[in-house]
Amino acid sequence: MAHNEVGVSDFVKERLLRIRGDLRIFRDLDPAKTALVIIDMQNAFLEPGGPIEVPSAREIVEPVNRVAQGCRELGVPVIWIRSHHPRNGGDWRHFFDHFVRPDPRAAAAAHLSADAHGSQFFADMDVQDSDYIVIKNRYSCFVPGASSLERLLRSMGRDTIVLCGTKTNICVESTARDGMMIDLRVVVLSDATSTLSDVEHQASLNVLIQEFADILTTDEVLRELRANRGDVPLEENERATP
């Protein structure tokens, strides 16, 4: 099974069905209220051999690009999140001094500096001129001062975010948790997120579905958004719910 085919554990699903009778919280996704947020699909994480490489992130390039294009067609804003820091990591000394080993510390910070190659979006990502790009300097986009994402969402009247990107259990999960706690409706795409192992990916999904977000696939989200747009016909392979 490919990394991005790993979903929520059966025992968690069974528990949720006993407790609340449903795996979904936020049904009937509305294209007029939804934004797609794509986290950290940058060279530093996707290019082979880098100091902070996430190899499985290359597996999700196709579903991330596909959901982005589907959202554009539905009028759903596509927001790319780009992490970067000063070349010496000076805006987050606590992290770079204590959570990164001394030998790769400078390389990791340099890879994510504003003008570095590692900070740029991976070449295969379909970033369009109509999309939004938001810079962040913490794991969560919603930590005060970390990014302008919340202000952008509120200005567009969007109360629902669909999250994808890397890493599932770090920046995606942190943003999902804080998004729920500022009263956003949060959906995380299980097949368009990735991290360093299947175990960590699934563990993050297991936590998120219980308290913070709905966990859906790319096809499920696109099908629901298209159905609720009304004027966009469903494709033949989207008519039946799997």
Protein backbone atom coordinates (compact mmCIF):
# COMPACT_ATOMS: atom_id res chain seq x y z
CA MET A 1 0.00 0.00 0.00
CA ALA A 2 1.35 3.42 -0.95
CA HIS A 3 1.97 5.90 1.85
CA ASN A 4 -0.86 8.18 0.75
CA GLU A 5 -3.32 5.26 0.68
CA VAL A 6 -3.00 4.85 4.46
CA GLY A 7 -6.10 6.17 6.22
CA VAL A 8 -7.75 6.26 9.62
CA SER A 9 -7.43 3.05 11.65
CA ASP A 10 -10.48 0.80 11.79
CA PHE A 11 -10.55 0.81 15.60
CA VAL A 12 -10.79 4.61 15.60
CA LYS A 13 -13.63 4.52 13.07
CA GLU A 14 -15.48 1.94 15.18
CA ARG A 15 -15.02 4.07 18.31
CA LEU A 16 -16.34 7.19 16.59
CA LEU A 17 -19.37 5.36 15.25
CA ARG A 18 -20.18 4.21 18.79
CA ILE A 19 -19.64 7.64 20.32
CA ARG A 20 -21.20 9.98 17.78
CA GLY A 21 -22.75 7.73 15.15
CA ASP A 22 -20.92 9.26 12.20
CA LEU A 23 -17.39 9.70 10.89
CA ARG A 24 -18.23 13.10 9.39
CA ILE A 25 -18.84 16.38 11.18
CA PHE A 26 -18.82 18.89 8.34
CA ARG A 27 -21.11 17.61 5.61
CA ASP A 28 -22.21 19.33 2.40
CA LEU A 29 -19.02 21.27 1.71
CA ASP A 30 -19.97 24.59 0.13
CA PRO A 31 -17.64 25.90 -2.61
CA ALA A 32 -18.63 29.46 -1.69
CA LYS A 33 -17.38 28.97 1.87
CA THR A 34 -14.35 26.73 1.27
CA ALA A 35 -10.66 27.37 0.58
CA LEU A 36 -7.95 24.87 -0.30
CA VAL A 37 -4.75 25.29 1.74
CA ILE A 38 -1.63 23.51 0.46
CA ILE A 39 1.20 23.35 2.96
CA ASP A 40 4.97 23.37 2.33
CA MET A 41 5.26 21.64 -1.06
CA GLN A 42 8.74 23.14 -1.43
CA ASN A 43 12.09 21.93 -2.74
CA ALA A 44 13.49 21.61 0.79
CA PHE A 45 11.00 18.85 1.51
CA LEU A 46 10.46 17.28 -1.93
CA GLU A 47 13.81 17.26 -3.73
CA PRO A 48 15.82 14.05 -3.26
CA GLY A 49 18.81 14.29 -0.96
CA GLY A 50 17.96 17.47 0.91
CA PRO A 51 18.66 17.86 4.65
CA ILE A 52 14.94 17.96 5.48
CA GLU A 53 13.63 15.71 2.71
CA VAL A 54 10.23 14.00 3.06
CA PRO A 55 10.44 11.31 0.34
CA SER A 56 6.75 10.40 0.48
CA ALA A 57 5.81 14.01 -0.31
CA ARG A 58 6.69 13.29 -3.95
CA GLU A 59 3.87 10.71 -3.96
CA ILE A 60 1.25 13.38 -3.33
CA VAL A 61 2.20 15.80 -6.11
CA GLU A 62 -0.48 14.40 -8.43
CA PRO A 63 -3.41 14.48 -5.96
CA VAL A 64 -2.41 17.94 -4.70
CA ASN A 65 -2.31 19.32 -8.24
CA ARG A 66 -5.57 17.55 -9.08
CA VAL A 67 -7.47 18.95 -6.12
CA ALA A 68 -6.03 22.40 -6.81
CA GLN A 69 -7.27 22.35 -10.40
CA GLY A 70 -10.66 21.00 -9.36
CA CYS A 71 -11.01 23.78 -6.80
CA ARG A 72 -10.09 26.49 -9.31
CA GLU A 73 -12.81 25.23 -11.65
CA LEU A 74 -15.31 25.55 -8.80
CA GLY A 75 -14.25 29.04 -7.72
CA VAL A 76 -12.63 27.72 -4.53
CA PRO A 77 -9.51 29.77 -3.66
CA VAL A 78 -6.23 27.85 -3.80
CA ILE A 79 -3.75 29.01 -1.15
CA TRP A 80 -0.15 27.78 -1.17
CA ILE A 81 1.66 28.00 2.16
CA ARG A 82 5.40 28.58 1.92
CA SER A 83 7.63 28.23 4.99
CA HIS A 84 10.74 30.34 5.24
CA HIS A 85 13.07 31.80 7.85
CA PRO A 86 16.12 34.06 7.92
CA ARG A 87 19.22 32.23 6.71
CA ASN A 88 20.42 31.74 10.30
CA GLY A 89 17.01 30.71 11.63
CA GLY A 90 16.99 33.82 13.79
CA ASP A 91 13.21 34.21 13.85
CA TRP A 92 12.80 30.88 15.68
CA ARG A 93 15.86 30.32 17.81
CA HIS A 94 14.06 27.96 20.18
CA PHE A 95 13.41 25.50 17.37
CA PHE A 96 16.69 25.74 15.49
CA ASP A 97 18.82 25.67 18.67
CA HIS A 98 17.07 22.79 20.44
CA PHE A 99 15.16 20.62 17.97
CA VAL A 100 17.72 20.41 15.15
CA ARG A 101 21.13 18.74 15.56
CA PRO A 102 24.04 21.19 15.28
CA ASP A 103 25.49 19.63 12.11
CA PRO A 104 22.42 20.10 9.83
CA ARG A 105 21.14 23.20 11.65
CA ALA A 106 22.70 25.78 9.32
CA ALA A 107 21.76 23.79 6.22
CA ALA A 108 18.14 23.42 7.34
CA ALA A 109 17.78 27.14 8.04
CA ALA A 110 19.54 28.08 4.81
CA HIS A 111 17.26 25.81 2.76
CA LEU A 112 14.23 27.74 4.02
CA SER A 113 15.56 31.27 3.71
CA ALA A 114 13.52 33.57 1.50
CA ASP A 115 15.79 33.51 -1.56
CA ALA A 116 17.04 29.92 -1.25
CA HIS A 117 16.31 27.21 -3.79
CA GLY A 118 14.92 25.01 -1.03
CA SER A 119 12.33 27.61 -0.15
CA GLN A 120 10.86 27.65 -3.68
CA PHE A 121 7.94 25.48 -4.67
CA PHE A 122 8.86 22.07 -6.10
CA ALA A 123 9.01 22.31 -9.89
CA ASP A 124 6.15 19.83 -10.44
CA MET A 125 3.67 21.81 -8.35
CA ASP A 126 1.00 23.50 -10.44
CA VAL A 127 1.08 26.97 -8.90
CA GLN A 128 -1.05 29.36 -10.96
CA ASP A 129 -1.08 33.17 -11.10
CA SER A 130 -4.68 33.13 -9.83
CA ASP A 131 -3.62 31.31 -6.64
CA TYR A 132 -2.63 32.91 -3.35
CA ILE A 133 0.76 32.46 -1.67
CA VAL A 134 1.04 32.92 2.09
CA ILE A 135 4.35 32.88 3.99
CA LYS A 136 4.55 31.25 7.43
CA ASN A 137 7.34 30.95 9.98
CA ARG A 138 5.82 28.45 12.43
CA TYR A 139 4.32 24.98 12.08
CA SER A 140 0.80 26.28 12.48
CA CYS A 141 -0.42 28.96 10.10
CA PHE A 142 -2.68 30.26 12.87
CA VAL A 143 -0.19 30.98 15.67
CA PRO A 144 -0.35 34.77 16.21
CA GLY A 145 2.18 36.41 13.92
CA ALA A 146 2.96 33.20 12.00
CA SER A 147 1.13 34.10 8.79
CA SER A 148 -1.69 36.14 7.27
CA LEU A 149 -3.82 33.06 6.47
CA GLU A 150 -6.61 33.70 8.96
CA ARG A 151 -6.98 37.31 7.83
CA LEU A 152 -7.08 36.20 4.19
CA LEU A 153 -9.73 33.57 4.87
CA ARG A 154 -11.92 35.96 6.86
CA SER A 155 -11.62 38.63 4.15
CA MET A 156 -12.91 36.14 1.57
CA GLY A 157 -15.75 34.92 3.78
CA ARG A 158 -14.33 31.40 3.96
CA ASP A 159 -15.09 29.38 7.11
CA THR A 160 -14.00 25.97 5.78
CA ILE A 161 -10.47 24.86 4.90
CA VAL A 162 -9.36 21.74 3.06
CA LEU A 163 -5.77 20.97 4.05
CA CYS A 164 -3.13 19.02 2.15
CA GLY A 165 0.65 18.96 1.87
CA THR A 166 3.49 17.97 4.19
CA LYS A 167 4.14 16.93 6.89
CA THR A 168 0.89 15.34 8.01
CA ASN A 169 1.85 15.18 11.68
CA ILE A 170 3.68 18.52 11.90
CA CYS A 171 2.55 21.53 9.86
CA VAL A 172 -0.69 20.02 8.56
CA GLU A 173 -1.77 18.74 11.96
CA SER A 174 -0.70 21.93 13.76
CA THR A 175 -2.68 24.07 11.32
CA ALA A 176 -5.70 21.76 11.50
CA ARG A 177 -5.74 21.81 15.30
CA ASP A 178 -5.48 25.58 15.54
CA GLY A 179 -7.93 26.07 12.67
CA MET A 180 -10.60 24.12 14.55
CA MET A 181 -9.86 26.09 17.72
CA ILE A 182 -10.50 29.42 15.96
CA ASP A 183 -13.83 28.02 14.77
CA LEU A 184 -12.96 27.04 11.22
CA ARG A 185 -14.44 23.90 9.69
CA VAL A 186 -11.43 21.73 8.83
CA VAL A 187 -11.02 18.87 6.37
CA VAL A 188 -7.71 17.01 5.92
CA LEU A 189 -7.02 15.00 2.77
CA SER A 190 -5.63 11.58 3.69
CA ASP A 191 -4.31 10.88 0.18
CA ALA A 192 -2.79 14.33 -0.38
CA THR A 193 -0.79 14.59 2.85
CA SER A 194 2.48 12.89 3.74
CA THR A 195 5.12 12.49 6.40
CA LEU A 196 8.17 10.37 7.17
CA SER A 197 6.40 7.05 7.82
CA ASP A 198 3.04 5.31 7.42
CA VAL A 199 2.82 4.92 11.20
CA GLU A 200 3.17 8.66 11.83
CA HIS A 201 0.80 9.52 8.97
CA GLN A 202 -1.93 7.25 10.30
CA ALA A 203 -1.39 8.32 13.91
CA SER A 204 -1.93 11.94 12.90
CA LEU A 205 -5.10 11.12 10.97
CA ASN A 206 -6.36 9.12 13.96
CA VAL A 207 -5.94 12.12 16.27
CA LEU A 208 -7.36 14.67 13.85
CA ILE A 209 -10.57 12.80 13.04
CA GLN A 210 -11.45 12.41 16.71
CA GLU A 211 -11.24 16.05 17.77
CA PHE A 212 -10.22 18.44 15.02
CA ALA A 213 -11.15 17.61 11.41
CA ASP A 214 -12.96 15.44 8.94
CA ILE A 215 -10.64 13.08 7.07
CA LEU A 216 -11.56 12.66 3.40
CA THR A 217 -9.88 11.78 0.12
CA THR A 218 -9.27 14.11 -2.79
CA ASP A 219 -12.01 12.49 -4.87
CA GLU A 220 -14.52 12.67 -2.02
CA VAL A 221 -13.94 16.39 -1.53
CA LEU A 222 -14.11 17.23 -5.23
CA ARG A 223 -17.27 15.17 -5.68
CA GLU A 224 -18.99 16.90 -2.77
CA LEU A 225 -17.92 20.39 -3.84
CA ARG A 226 -19.12 19.74 -7.39
CA ALA A 227 -22.46 18.40 -6.15
CA ASN A 228 -23.00 21.51 -4.03
CA ARG A 229 -21.96 23.93 -6.75
CA GLY A 230 -25.04 22.84 -8.70
CA ASP A 231 -24.09 24.23 -12.11
CA VAL A 232 -21.07 21.94 -12.55
CA PRO A 233 -21.99 18.43 -13.79
CA LEU A 234 -20.45 15.47 -12.02
CA GLU A 235 -18.00 13.42 -13.98
CA GLU A 236 -19.15 9.87 -14.70
CA ASN A 237 -16.79 8.28 -12.19
CA GLU A 238 -18.00 10.65 -9.46
CA ARG A 239 -21.71 9.90 -9.56
CA ALA A 240 -21.70 7.02 -7.11
CA THR A 241 -20.44 7.37 -3.56
CA PRO A 242 -17.76 4.72 -2.90
